[in-house]
Amino acid sequence: MRIEPTSQQINPAFIRDESVNQVQQQQQSNKQSEQSSRAGKSDKLSISQTANSINAAASEVKSAEQFRADKVAQIKAQLESNSYDPGSRNVAEKMITQIGAFLKGASA
């Protein structure tokens, strides 16, 4: 293979400028096509029924926590004043109910 000398001089700055122009044109073209593809579309959010149920349950828990906070404050005040009496019968009934529910759930 033989390389022939040419009479034409190639200017490196011209090649660089030409390459930069081509890249800029390609980027501009890509940007325009991307914008035109977005023009007819809009964002959409879809929440499943399960997510809605979880959100509703979370709201109920928050309101229950606030209700419980009031009850806890009331009981604390009664404890501090030494006037709290839960009633042994009520405590025993609730314990039996909770144990029964636990056993029922364990056997299922």
PDB file of N, CA and C in Angstrom:
ATOM      1  N   MET A   1       0.843  -1.165   0.000  1.00  0.00           N
ATOM      2  CA  MET A   1       0.000   0.000   0.000  1.00  0.00           C
ATOM      3  C   MET A   1       0.896   1.239   0.000  1.00  0.00           C
ATOM      4  N   ARG A   2       0.492   2.176  -0.808  1.00  0.00           N
ATOM      5  CA  ARG A   2       1.294   3.373  -0.944  1.00  0.00           C
ATOM      6  C   ARG A   2       0.418   4.595  -0.687  1.00  0.00           C
ATOM      7  N   ILE A   3       0.943   5.553   0.029  1.00  0.00           N
ATOM      8  CA  ILE A   3       0.214   6.788   0.304  1.00  0.00           C
ATOM      9  C   ILE A   3       0.752   7.859  -0.631  1.00  0.00           C
ATOM     10  N   GLU A   4      -0.152   8.433  -1.377  1.00  0.00           N
ATOM     11  CA  GLU A   4       0.209   9.476  -2.331  1.00  0.00           C
ATOM     12  C   GLU A   4       0.106  10.836  -1.671  1.00  0.00           C
ATOM     13  N   PRO A   5       1.041  11.668  -1.871  1.00  0.00           N
ATOM     14  CA  PRO A   5       0.921  13.033  -1.343  1.00  0.00           C
ATOM     15  C   PRO A   5      -0.155  13.782  -2.124  1.00  0.00           C
ATOM     16  N   THR A   6      -0.899  14.622  -1.406  1.00  0.00           N
ATOM     17  CA  THR A   6      -1.945  15.405  -2.064  1.00  0.00           C
ATOM     18  C   THR A   6      -1.550  16.865  -2.100  1.00  0.00           C
ATOM     19  N   SER A   7      -2.136  17.525  -2.998  1.00  0.00           N
ATOM     20  CA  SER A   7      -1.846  18.945  -3.100  1.00  0.00           C
ATOM     21  C   SER A   7      -2.792  19.764  -2.235  1.00  0.00           C
ATOM     22  N   GLN A   8      -3.877  19.114  -1.741  1.00  0.00           N
ATOM     23  CA  GLN A   8      -4.842  19.825  -0.911  1.00  0.00           C
ATOM     24  C   GLN A   8      -4.417  19.765   0.550  1.00  0.00           C
ATOM     25  N   GLN A   9      -4.483  20.868   1.187  1.00  0.00           N
ATOM     26  CA  GLN A   9      -4.179  20.948   2.616  1.00  0.00           C
ATOM     27  C   GLN A   9      -5.505  20.855   3.386  1.00  0.00           C
ATOM     28  N   ILE A  10      -5.541  20.052   4.426  1.00  0.00           N
ATOM     29  CA  ILE A  10      -6.749  19.911   5.243  1.00  0.00           C
ATOM     30  C   ILE A  10      -6.545  20.735   6.503  1.00  0.00           C
ATOM     31  N   ASN A  11      -7.473  21.603   6.730  1.00  0.00           N
ATOM     32  CA  ASN A  11      -7.408  22.481   7.893  1.00  0.00           C
ATOM     33  C   ASN A  11      -8.080  21.780   9.079  1.00  0.00           C
ATOM     34  N   PRO A  12      -7.334  21.446  10.148  1.00  0.00           N
ATOM     35  CA  PRO A  12      -7.929  20.752  11.307  1.00  0.00           C
ATOM     36  C   PRO A  12      -9.027  21.566  11.979  1.00  0.00           C
ATOM     37  N   ALA A  13      -8.911  22.864  11.984  1.00  0.00           N
ATOM     38  CA  ALA A  13      -9.941  23.703  12.602  1.00  0.00           C
ATOM     39  C   ALA A  13     -11.253  23.573  11.834  1.00  0.00           C
ATOM     40  N   PHE A  14     -11.185  23.476  10.514  1.00  0.00           N
ATOM     41  CA  PHE A  14     -12.378  23.316   9.689  1.00  0.00           C
ATOM     42  C   PHE A  14     -13.070  21.996  10.008  1.00  0.00           C
ATOM     43  N   ILE A  15     -12.295  20.932  10.133  1.00  0.00           N
ATOM     44  CA  ILE A  15     -12.865  19.610  10.450  1.00  0.00           C
ATOM     45  C   ILE A  15     -13.523  19.648  11.827  1.00  0.00           C
ATOM     46  N   ARG A  16     -12.855  20.253  12.788  1.00  0.00           N
ATOM     47  CA  ARG A  16     -13.402  20.343  14.147  1.00  0.00           C
ATOM     48  C   ARG A  16     -14.707  21.136  14.137  1.00  0.00           C
ATOM     49  N   ASP A  17     -14.710  22.283  13.475  1.00  0.00           N
ATOM     50  CA  ASP A  17     -15.908  23.111  13.415  1.00  0.00           C
ATOM     51  C   ASP A  17     -17.062  22.381  12.725  1.00  0.00           C
ATOM     52  N   GLU A  18     -16.738  21.676  11.664  1.00  0.00           N
ATOM     53  CA  GLU A  18     -17.752  20.926  10.932  1.00  0.00           C
ATOM     54  C   GLU A  18     -18.330  19.818  11.818  1.00  0.00           C
ATOM     55  N   SER A  19     -17.487  19.151  12.585  1.00  0.00           N
ATOM     56  CA  SER A  19     -17.948  18.083  13.489  1.00  0.00           C
ATOM     57  C   SER A  19     -18.831  18.654  14.587  1.00  0.00           C
ATOM     58  N   VAL A  20     -18.441  19.776  15.132  1.00  0.00           N
ATOM     59  CA  VAL A  20     -19.237  20.417  16.178  1.00  0.00           C
ATOM     60  C   VAL A  20     -20.589  20.822  15.620  1.00  0.00           C
ATOM     61  N   ASN A  21     -20.620  21.361  14.438  1.00  0.00           N
ATOM     62  CA  ASN A  21     -21.890  21.746  13.814  1.00  0.00           C
ATOM     63  C   ASN A  21     -22.805  20.545  13.621  1.00  0.00           C
ATOM     64  N   GLN A  22     -22.239  19.423  13.180  1.00  0.00           N
ATOM     65  CA  GLN A  22     -23.044  18.220  12.976  1.00  0.00           C
ATOM     66  C   GLN A  22     -23.631  17.729  14.296  1.00  0.00           C
ATOM     67  N   VAL A  23     -22.820  17.734  15.355  1.00  0.00           N
ATOM     68  CA  VAL A  23     -23.300  17.289  16.668  1.00  0.00           C
ATOM     69  C   VAL A  23     -24.402  18.217  17.165  1.00  0.00           C
ATOM     70  N   GLN A  24     -24.221  19.515  17.024  1.00  0.00           N
ATOM     71  CA  GLN A  24     -25.235  20.468  17.468  1.00  0.00           C
ATOM     72  C   GLN A  24     -26.536  20.291  16.686  1.00  0.00           C
ATOM     73  N   GLN A  25     -26.447  20.058  15.388  1.00  0.00           N
ATOM     74  CA  GLN A  25     -27.650  19.829  14.585  1.00  0.00           C
ATOM     75  C   GLN A  25     -28.368  18.564  15.031  1.00  0.00           C
ATOM     76  N   GLN A  26     -27.609  17.522  15.325  1.00  0.00           N
ATOM     77  CA  GLN A  26     -28.210  16.262  15.778  1.00  0.00           C
ATOM     78  C   GLN A  26     -28.900  16.461  17.131  1.00  0.00           C
ATOM     79  N   GLN A  27     -28.245  17.188  18.040  1.00  0.00           N
ATOM     80  CA  GLN A  27     -28.846  17.449  19.350  1.00  0.00           C
ATOM     81  C   GLN A  27     -30.122  18.270  19.204  1.00  0.00           C
ATOM     82  N   GLN A  28     -30.095  19.268  18.347  1.00  0.00           N
ATOM     83  CA  GLN A  28     -31.275  20.093  18.111  1.00  0.00           C
ATOM     84  C   GLN A  28     -32.416  19.250  17.542  1.00  0.00           C
ATOM     85  N   SER A  29     -32.090  18.377  16.628  1.00  0.00           N
ATOM     86  CA  SER A  29     -33.094  17.500  16.027  1.00  0.00           C
ATOM     87  C   SER A  29     -33.695  16.561  17.071  1.00  0.00           C
ATOM     88  N   ASN A  30     -32.841  15.991  17.915  1.00  0.00           N
ATOM     89  CA  ASN A  30     -33.319  15.107  18.984  1.00  0.00           C
ATOM     90  C   ASN A  30     -34.233  15.863  19.948  1.00  0.00           C
ATOM     91  N   LYS A  31     -33.852  17.088  20.293  1.00  0.00           N
ATOM     92  CA  LYS A  31     -34.627  17.883  21.220  1.00  0.00           C
ATOM     93  C   LYS A  31     -36.008  18.198  20.647  1.00  0.00           C
ATOM     94  N   GLN A  32     -36.055  18.539  19.353  1.00  0.00           N
ATOM     95  CA  GLN A  32     -37.326  18.851  18.718  1.00  0.00           C
ATOM     96  C   GLN A  32     -38.231  17.630  18.644  1.00  0.00           C
ATOM     97  N   SER A  33     -37.658  16.475  18.324  1.00  0.00           N
ATOM     98  CA  SER A  33     -38.485  15.266  18.246  1.00  0.00           C
ATOM     99  C   SER A  33     -38.998  14.866  19.625  1.00  0.00           C
ATOM    100  N   GLU A  34     -38.188  15.082  20.652  1.00  0.00           N
ATOM    101  CA  GLU A  34     -38.605  14.775  22.018  1.00  0.00           C
ATOM    102  C   GLU A  34     -39.740  15.702  22.453  1.00  0.00           C
ATOM    103  N   GLN A  35     -39.630  16.980  22.109  1.00  0.00           N
ATOM    104  CA  GLN A  35     -40.678  17.934  22.469  1.00  0.00           C
ATOM    105  C   GLN A  35     -41.976  17.642  21.727  1.00  0.00           C
ATOM    106  N   SER A  36     -41.869  17.260  20.466  1.00  0.00           N
ATOM    107  CA  SER A  36     -43.082  16.967  19.709  1.00  0.00           C
ATOM    108  C   SER A  36     -43.743  15.681  20.211  1.00  0.00           C
ATOM    109  N   SER A  37     -42.954  14.727  20.688  1.00  0.00           N
ATOM    110  CA  SER A  37     -43.552  13.495  21.216  1.00  0.00           C
ATOM    111  C   SER A  37     -44.233  13.748  22.554  1.00  0.00           C
ATOM    112  N   ARG A  38     -43.770  14.738  23.311  1.00  0.00           N
ATOM    113  CA  ARG A  38     -44.377  15.077  24.590  1.00  0.00           C
ATOM    114  C   ARG A  38     -45.614  15.951  24.431  1.00  0.00           C
ATOM    115  N   ALA A  39     -45.734  16.633  23.316  1.00  0.00           N
ATOM    116  CA  ALA A  39     -46.788  17.635  23.134  1.00  0.00           C
ATOM    117  C   ALA A  39     -48.180  17.058  23.336  1.00  0.00           C
ATOM    118  N   GLY A  40     -48.452  15.878  22.843  1.00  0.00           N
ATOM    119  CA  GLY A  40     -49.789  15.305  22.931  1.00  0.00           C
ATOM    120  C   GLY A  40     -50.020  14.481  24.184  1.00  0.00           C
ATOM    121  N   LYS A  41     -49.021  14.319  25.013  1.00  0.00           N
ATOM    122  CA  LYS A  41     -49.143  13.453  26.181  1.00  0.00           C
ATOM    123  C   LYS A  41     -49.232  14.290  27.448  1.00  0.00           C
ATOM    124  N   SER A  42     -49.878  13.716  28.454  1.00  0.00           N
ATOM    125  CA  SER A  42     -49.921  14.355  29.766  1.00  0.00           C
ATOM    126  C   SER A  42     -49.648  13.293  30.817  1.00  0.00           C
ATOM    127  N   ASP A  43     -49.164  13.738  31.960  1.00  0.00           N
ATOM    128  CA  ASP A  43     -48.890  12.809  33.051  1.00  0.00           C
ATOM    129  C   ASP A  43     -50.203  12.319  33.641  1.00  0.00           C
ATOM    130  N   LYS A  44     -50.167  11.092  34.143  1.00  0.00           N
ATOM    131  CA  LYS A  44     -51.377  10.498  34.687  1.00  0.00           C
ATOM    132  C   LYS A  44     -51.005   9.714  35.936  1.00  0.00           C
ATOM    133  N   LEU A  45     -51.801   9.845  36.967  1.00  0.00           N
ATOM    134  CA  LEU A  45     -51.575   9.133  38.211  1.00  0.00           C
ATOM    135  C   LEU A  45     -52.774   8.244  38.476  1.00  0.00           C
ATOM    136  N   SER A  46     -52.499   6.975  38.731  1.00  0.00           N
ATOM    137  CA  SER A  46     -53.565   6.030  39.004  1.00  0.00           C
ATOM    138  C   SER A  46     -53.247   5.308  40.310  1.00  0.00           C
ATOM    139  N   ILE A  47     -54.171   5.371  41.254  1.00  0.00           N
ATOM    140  CA  ILE A  47     -53.970   4.743  42.557  1.00  0.00           C
ATOM    141  C   ILE A  47     -54.895   3.536  42.647  1.00  0.00           C
ATOM    142  N   SER A  48     -54.333   2.415  43.033  1.00  0.00           N
ATOM    143  CA  SER A  48     -55.120   1.187  43.095  1.00  0.00           C
ATOM    144  C   SER A  48     -56.114   1.233  44.255  1.00  0.00           C
ATOM    145  N   GLN A  49     -57.073   0.340  44.201  1.00  0.00           N
ATOM    146  CA  GLN A  49     -58.071   0.233  45.268  1.00  0.00           C
ATOM    147  C   GLN A  49     -57.397  -0.133  46.588  1.00  0.00           C
ATOM    148  N   THR A  50     -56.360  -0.979  46.516  1.00  0.00           N
ATOM    149  CA  THR A  50     -55.633  -1.365  47.726  1.00  0.00           C
ATOM    150  C   THR A  50     -54.966  -0.156  48.356  1.00  0.00           C
ATOM    151  N   ALA A  51     -54.347   0.678  47.534  1.00  0.00           N
ATOM    152  CA  ALA A  51     -53.691   1.881  48.053  1.00  0.00           C
ATOM    153  C   ALA A  51     -54.713   2.821  48.684  1.00  0.00           C
ATOM    154  N   ASN A  52     -55.881   2.932  48.066  1.00  0.00           N
ATOM    155  CA  ASN A  52     -56.944   3.765  48.650  1.00  0.00           C
ATOM    156  C   ASN A  52     -57.389   3.218  50.000  1.00  0.00           C
ATOM    157  N   SER A  53     -57.489   1.903  50.110  1.00  0.00           N
ATOM    158  CA  SER A  53     -57.875   1.278  51.382  1.00  0.00           C
ATOM    159  C   SER A  53     -56.825   1.529  52.453  1.00  0.00           C
ATOM    160  N   ILE A  54     -55.558   1.417  52.064  1.00  0.00           N
ATOM    161  CA  ILE A  54     -54.463   1.656  53.015  1.00  0.00           C
ATOM    162  C   ILE A  54     -54.494   3.109  53.476  1.00  0.00           C
ATOM    163  N   ASN A  55     -54.734   4.024  52.555  1.00  0.00           N
ATOM    164  CA  ASN A  55     -54.795   5.446  52.906  1.00  0.00           C
ATOM    165  C   ASN A  55     -55.941   5.716  53.870  1.00  0.00           C
ATOM    166  N   ALA A  56     -57.092   5.101  53.630  1.00  0.00           N
ATOM    167  CA  ALA A  56     -58.238   5.286  54.518  1.00  0.00           C
ATOM    168  C   ALA A  56     -57.943   4.718  55.905  1.00  0.00           C
ATOM    169  N   ALA A  57     -57.304   3.548  55.944  1.00  0.00           N
ATOM    170  CA  ALA A  57     -56.954   2.937  57.229  1.00  0.00           C
ATOM    171  C   ALA A  57     -55.956   3.801  57.990  1.00  0.00           C
ATOM    172  N   ALA A  58     -54.993   4.369  57.267  1.00  0.00           N
ATOM    173  CA  ALA A  58     -53.997   5.234  57.913  1.00  0.00           C
ATOM    174  C   ALA A  58     -54.670   6.466  58.518  1.00  0.00           C
ATOM    175  N   SER A  59     -55.651   7.010  57.821  1.00  0.00           N
ATOM    176  CA  SER A  59     -56.380   8.170  58.344  1.00  0.00           C
ATOM    177  C   SER A  59     -57.141   7.804  59.621  1.00  0.00           C
ATOM    178  N   GLU A  60     -57.751   6.629  59.621  1.00  0.00           N
ATOM    179  CA  GLU A  60     -58.480   6.176  60.806  1.00  0.00           C
ATOM    180  C   GLU A  60     -57.541   5.972  61.985  1.00  0.00           C
ATOM    181  N   VAL A  61     -56.365   5.421  61.713  1.00  0.00           N
ATOM    182  CA  VAL A  61     -55.387   5.191  62.784  1.00  0.00           C
ATOM    183  C   VAL A  61     -54.954   6.519  63.384  1.00  0.00           C
ATOM    184  N   LYS A  62     -54.715   7.512  62.520  1.00  0.00           N
ATOM    185  CA  LYS A  62     -54.312   8.826  63.029  1.00  0.00           C
ATOM    186  C   LYS A  62     -55.381   9.422  63.939  1.00  0.00           C
ATOM    187  N   SER A  63     -56.633   9.329  63.527  1.00  0.00           N
ATOM    188  CA  SER A  63     -57.695   9.883  64.363  1.00  0.00           C
ATOM    189  C   SER A  63     -57.853   9.063  65.636  1.00  0.00           C
ATOM    190  N   ALA A  64     -57.653   7.758  65.575  1.00  0.00           N
ATOM    191  CA  ALA A  64     -57.732   6.911  66.763  1.00  0.00           C
ATOM    192  C   ALA A  64     -56.602   7.238  67.733  1.00  0.00           C
ATOM    193  N   GLU A  65     -55.418   7.533  67.204  1.00  0.00           N
ATOM    194  CA  GLU A  65     -54.290   7.884  68.068  1.00  0.00           C
ATOM    195  C   GLU A  65     -54.590   9.163  68.833  1.00  0.00           C
ATOM    196  N   GLN A  66     -55.232  10.120  68.184  1.00  0.00           N
ATOM    197  CA  GLN A  66     -55.577  11.367  68.859  1.00  0.00           C
ATOM    198  C   GLN A  66     -56.613  11.104  69.947  1.00  0.00           C
ATOM    199  N   PHE A  67     -57.570  10.244  69.642  1.00  0.00           N
ATOM    200  CA  PHE A  67     -58.585   9.900  70.631  1.00  0.00           C
ATOM    201  C   PHE A  67     -57.937   9.206  71.818  1.00  0.00           C
ATOM    202  N   ARG A  68     -57.052   8.282  71.546  1.00  0.00           N
ATOM    203  CA  ARG A  68     -56.355   7.563  72.598  1.00  0.00           C
ATOM    204  C   ARG A  68     -55.495   8.492  73.442  1.00  0.00           C
ATOM    205  N   ALA A  69     -54.895   9.506  72.825  1.00  0.00           N
ATOM    206  CA  ALA A  69     -54.058  10.450  73.566  1.00  0.00           C
ATOM    207  C   ALA A  69     -54.892  11.161  74.622  1.00  0.00           C
ATOM    208  N   ASP A  70     -56.122  11.515  74.265  1.00  0.00           N
ATOM    209  CA  ASP A  70     -57.007  12.148  75.242  1.00  0.00           C
ATOM    210  C   ASP A  70     -57.327  11.195  76.390  1.00  0.00           C
ATOM    211  N   LYS A  71     -57.582   9.949  76.039  1.00  0.00           N
ATOM    212  CA  LYS A  71     -57.918   8.951  77.061  1.00  0.00           C
ATOM    213  C   LYS A  71     -56.722   8.687  77.977  1.00  0.00           C
ATOM    214  N   VAL A  72     -55.542   8.617  77.393  1.00  0.00           N
ATOM    215  CA  VAL A  72     -54.326   8.401  78.187  1.00  0.00           C
ATOM    216  C   VAL A  72     -54.112   9.565  79.141  1.00  0.00           C
ATOM    217  N   ALA A  73     -54.318  10.782  78.675  1.00  0.00           N
ATOM    218  CA  ALA A  73     -54.159  11.960  79.531  1.00  0.00           C
ATOM    219  C   ALA A  73     -55.155  11.909  80.687  1.00  0.00           C
ATOM    220  N   GLN A  74     -56.370  11.486  80.388  1.00  0.00           N
ATOM    221  CA  GLN A  74     -57.396  11.382  81.432  1.00  0.00           C
ATOM    222  C   GLN A  74     -56.993  10.351  82.488  1.00  0.00           C
ATOM    223  N   ILE A  75     -56.525   9.190  82.027  1.00  0.00           N
ATOM    224  CA  ILE A  75     -56.130   8.130  82.965  1.00  0.00           C
ATOM    225  C   ILE A  75     -54.902   8.556  83.769  1.00  0.00           C
ATOM    226  N   LYS A  76     -53.950   9.246  83.132  1.00  0.00           N
ATOM    227  CA  LYS A  76     -52.772   9.741  83.854  1.00  0.00           C
ATOM    228  C   LYS A  76     -53.191  10.686  84.981  1.00  0.00           C
ATOM    229  N   ALA A  77     -54.132  11.556  84.660  1.00  0.00           N
ATOM    230  CA  ALA A  77     -54.606  12.490  85.680  1.00  0.00           C
ATOM    231  C   ALA A  77     -55.246  11.735  86.838  1.00  0.00           C
ATOM    232  N   GLN A  78     -56.020  10.693  86.526  1.00  0.00           N
ATOM    233  CA  GLN A  78     -56.646   9.891  87.581  1.00  0.00           C
ATOM    234  C   GLN A  78     -55.596   9.152  88.397  1.00  0.00           C
ATOM    235  N   LEU A  79     -54.556   8.640  87.746  1.00  0.00           N
ATOM    236  CA  LEU A  79     -53.491   7.948  88.471  1.00  0.00           C
ATOM    237  C   LEU A  79     -52.753   8.899  89.412  1.00  0.00           C
ATOM    238  N   GLU A  80     -52.485  10.102  88.928  1.00  0.00           N
ATOM    239  CA  GLU A  80     -51.772  11.078  89.747  1.00  0.00           C
ATOM    240  C   GLU A  80     -52.603  11.508  90.953  1.00  0.00           C
ATOM    241  N   SER A  81     -53.902  11.567  90.758  1.00  0.00           N
ATOM    242  CA  SER A  81     -54.769  11.960  91.878  1.00  0.00           C
ATOM    243  C   SER A  81     -55.200  10.748  92.712  1.00  0.00           C
ATOM    244  N   ASN A  82     -54.671   9.579  92.339  1.00  0.00           N
ATOM    245  CA  ASN A  82     -54.955   8.329  93.058  1.00  0.00           C
ATOM    246  C   ASN A  82     -56.448   7.985  93.050  1.00  0.00           C
ATOM    247  N   SER A  83     -57.141   8.316  91.941  1.00  0.00           N
ATOM    248  CA  SER A  83     -58.568   8.030  91.863  1.00  0.00           C
ATOM    249  C   SER A  83     -58.888   7.046  90.728  1.00  0.00           C
ATOM    250  N   TYR A  84     -57.884   6.443  90.122  1.00  0.00           N
ATOM    251  CA  TYR A  84     -58.113   5.518  89.006  1.00  0.00           C
ATOM    252  C   TYR A  84     -58.476   4.145  89.537  1.00  0.00           C
ATOM    253  N   ASP A  85     -59.619   3.622  89.105  1.00  0.00           N
ATOM    254  CA  ASP A  85     -60.062   2.276  89.490  1.00  0.00           C
ATOM    255  C   ASP A  85     -60.640   1.602  88.245  1.00  0.00           C
ATOM    256  N   PRO A  86     -59.827   0.773  87.573  1.00  0.00           N
ATOM    257  CA  PRO A  86     -60.305   0.142  86.350  1.00  0.00           C
ATOM    258  C   PRO A  86     -61.372  -0.917  86.594  1.00  0.00           C
ATOM    259  N   GLY A  87     -61.499  -1.399  87.792  1.00  0.00           N
ATOM    260  CA  GLY A  87     -62.470  -2.447  88.095  1.00  0.00           C
ATOM    261  C   GLY A  87     -61.913  -3.804  87.707  1.00  0.00           C
ATOM    262  N   SER A  88     -61.681  -4.649  88.679  1.00  0.00           N
ATOM    263  CA  SER A  88     -61.057  -5.954  88.424  1.00  0.00           C
ATOM    264  C   SER A  88     -61.921  -6.824  87.517  1.00  0.00           C
ATOM    265  N   ARG A  89     -63.221  -6.725  87.610  1.00  0.00           N
ATOM    266  CA  ARG A  89     -64.108  -7.522  86.765  1.00  0.00           C
ATOM    267  C   ARG A  89     -63.942  -7.107  85.293  1.00  0.00           C
ATOM    268  N   ASN A  90     -63.908  -5.807  85.029  1.00  0.00           N
ATOM    269  CA  ASN A  90     -63.724  -5.319  83.658  1.00  0.00           C
ATOM    270  C   ASN A  90     -62.382  -5.782  83.089  1.00  0.00           C
ATOM    271  N   VAL A  91     -61.326  -5.702  83.903  1.00  0.00           N
ATOM    272  CA  VAL A  91     -59.999  -6.131  83.450  1.00  0.00           C
ATOM    273  C   VAL A  91     -60.028  -7.618  83.115  1.00  0.00           C
ATOM    274  N   ALA A  92     -60.615  -8.420  83.982  1.00  0.00           N
ATOM    275  CA  ALA A  92     -60.667  -9.871  83.763  1.00  0.00           C
ATOM    276  C   ALA A  92     -61.474 -10.202  82.506  1.00  0.00           C
ATOM    277  N   GLU A  93     -62.597  -9.533  82.296  1.00  0.00           N
ATOM    278  CA  GLU A  93     -63.415  -9.794  81.116  1.00  0.00           C
ATOM    279  C   GLU A  93     -62.658  -9.450  79.831  1.00  0.00           C
ATOM    280  N   LYS A  94     -61.957  -8.328  79.830  1.00  0.00           N
ATOM    281  CA  LYS A  94     -61.195  -7.945  78.641  1.00  0.00           C
ATOM    282  C   LYS A  94     -60.046  -8.913  78.385  1.00  0.00           C
ATOM    283  N   MET A  95     -59.408  -9.395  79.459  1.00  0.00           N
ATOM    284  CA  MET A  95     -58.321 -10.367  79.282  1.00  0.00           C
ATOM    285  C   MET A  95     -58.856 -11.658  78.668  1.00  0.00           C
ATOM    286  N   ILE A  96     -59.986 -12.132  79.145  1.00  0.00           N
ATOM    287  CA  ILE A  96     -60.585 -13.362  78.628  1.00  0.00           C
ATOM    288  C   ILE A  96     -60.981 -13.179  77.168  1.00  0.00           C
ATOM    289  N   THR A  97     -61.543 -12.020  76.835  1.00  0.00           N
ATOM    290  CA  THR A  97     -61.943 -11.738  75.455  1.00  0.00           C
ATOM    291  C   THR A  97     -60.726 -11.750  74.537  1.00  0.00           C
ATOM    292  N   GLN A  98     -59.649 -11.096  74.960  1.00  0.00           N
ATOM    293  CA  GLN A  98     -58.445 -11.040  74.130  1.00  0.00           C
ATOM    294  C   GLN A  98     -57.782 -12.402  73.985  1.00  0.00           C
ATOM    295  N   ILE A  99     -57.767 -13.189  75.045  1.00  0.00           N
ATOM    296  CA  ILE A  99     -57.188 -14.538  74.968  1.00  0.00           C
ATOM    297  C   ILE A  99     -58.025 -15.405  74.034  1.00  0.00           C
ATOM    298  N   GLY A 100     -59.367 -15.287  74.141  1.00  0.00           N
ATOM    299  CA  GLY A 100     -60.250 -16.042  73.250  1.00  0.00           C
ATOM    300  C   GLY A 100     -60.027 -15.666  71.790  1.00  0.00           C
ATOM    301  N   ALA A 101     -59.870 -14.381  71.506  1.00  0.00           N
ATOM    302  CA  ALA A 101     -59.632 -13.932  70.131  1.00  0.00           C
ATOM    303  C   ALA A 101     -58.290 -14.436  69.630  1.00  0.00           C
ATOM    304  N   PHE A 102     -57.296 -14.451  70.514  1.00  0.00           N
ATOM    305  CA  PHE A 102     -55.969 -14.931  70.127  1.00  0.00           C
ATOM    306  C   PHE A 102     -56.029 -16.433  69.803  1.00  0.00           C
ATOM    307  N   LEU A 103     -56.696 -17.205  70.649  1.00  0.00           N
ATOM    308  CA  LEU A 103     -56.798 -18.643  70.424  1.00  0.00           C
ATOM    309  C   LEU A 103     -57.596 -18.948  69.170  1.00  0.00           C
ATOM    310  N   LYS A 104     -58.630 -18.162  68.919  1.00  0.00           N
ATOM    311  CA  LYS A 104     -59.429 -18.345  67.727  1.00  0.00           C
ATOM    312  C   LYS A 104     -58.580 -18.069  66.458  1.00  0.00           C
ATOM    313  N   GLY A 105     -57.773 -17.028  66.537  1.00  0.00           N
ATOM    314  CA  GLY A 105     -56.901 -16.700  65.409  1.00  0.00           C
ATOM    315  C   GLY A 105     -55.797 -17.713  65.208  1.00  0.00           C
ATOM    316  N   ALA A 106     -55.297 -18.295  66.308  1.00  0.00           N
ATOM    317  CA  ALA A 106     -54.222 -19.285  66.197  1.00  0.00           C
ATOM    318  C   ALA A 106     -54.716 -20.600  65.618  1.00  0.00           C
ATOM    319  N   SER A 107     -55.987 -20.939  65.852  1.00  0.00           N
ATOM    320  CA  SER A 107     -56.508 -22.199  65.337  1.00  0.00           C
ATOM    321  C   SER A 107     -56.994 -22.094  63.907  1.00  0.00           C
ATOM    322  N   ALA A 108     -57.153 -20.891  63.400  1.00  0.00           N
ATOM    323  CA  ALA A 108     -57.660 -20.704  62.033  1.00  0.00           C
ATOM    324  C   ALA A 108     -56.617 -20.992  60.982  1.00  0.00           C
TER     325      ALA A 108
END
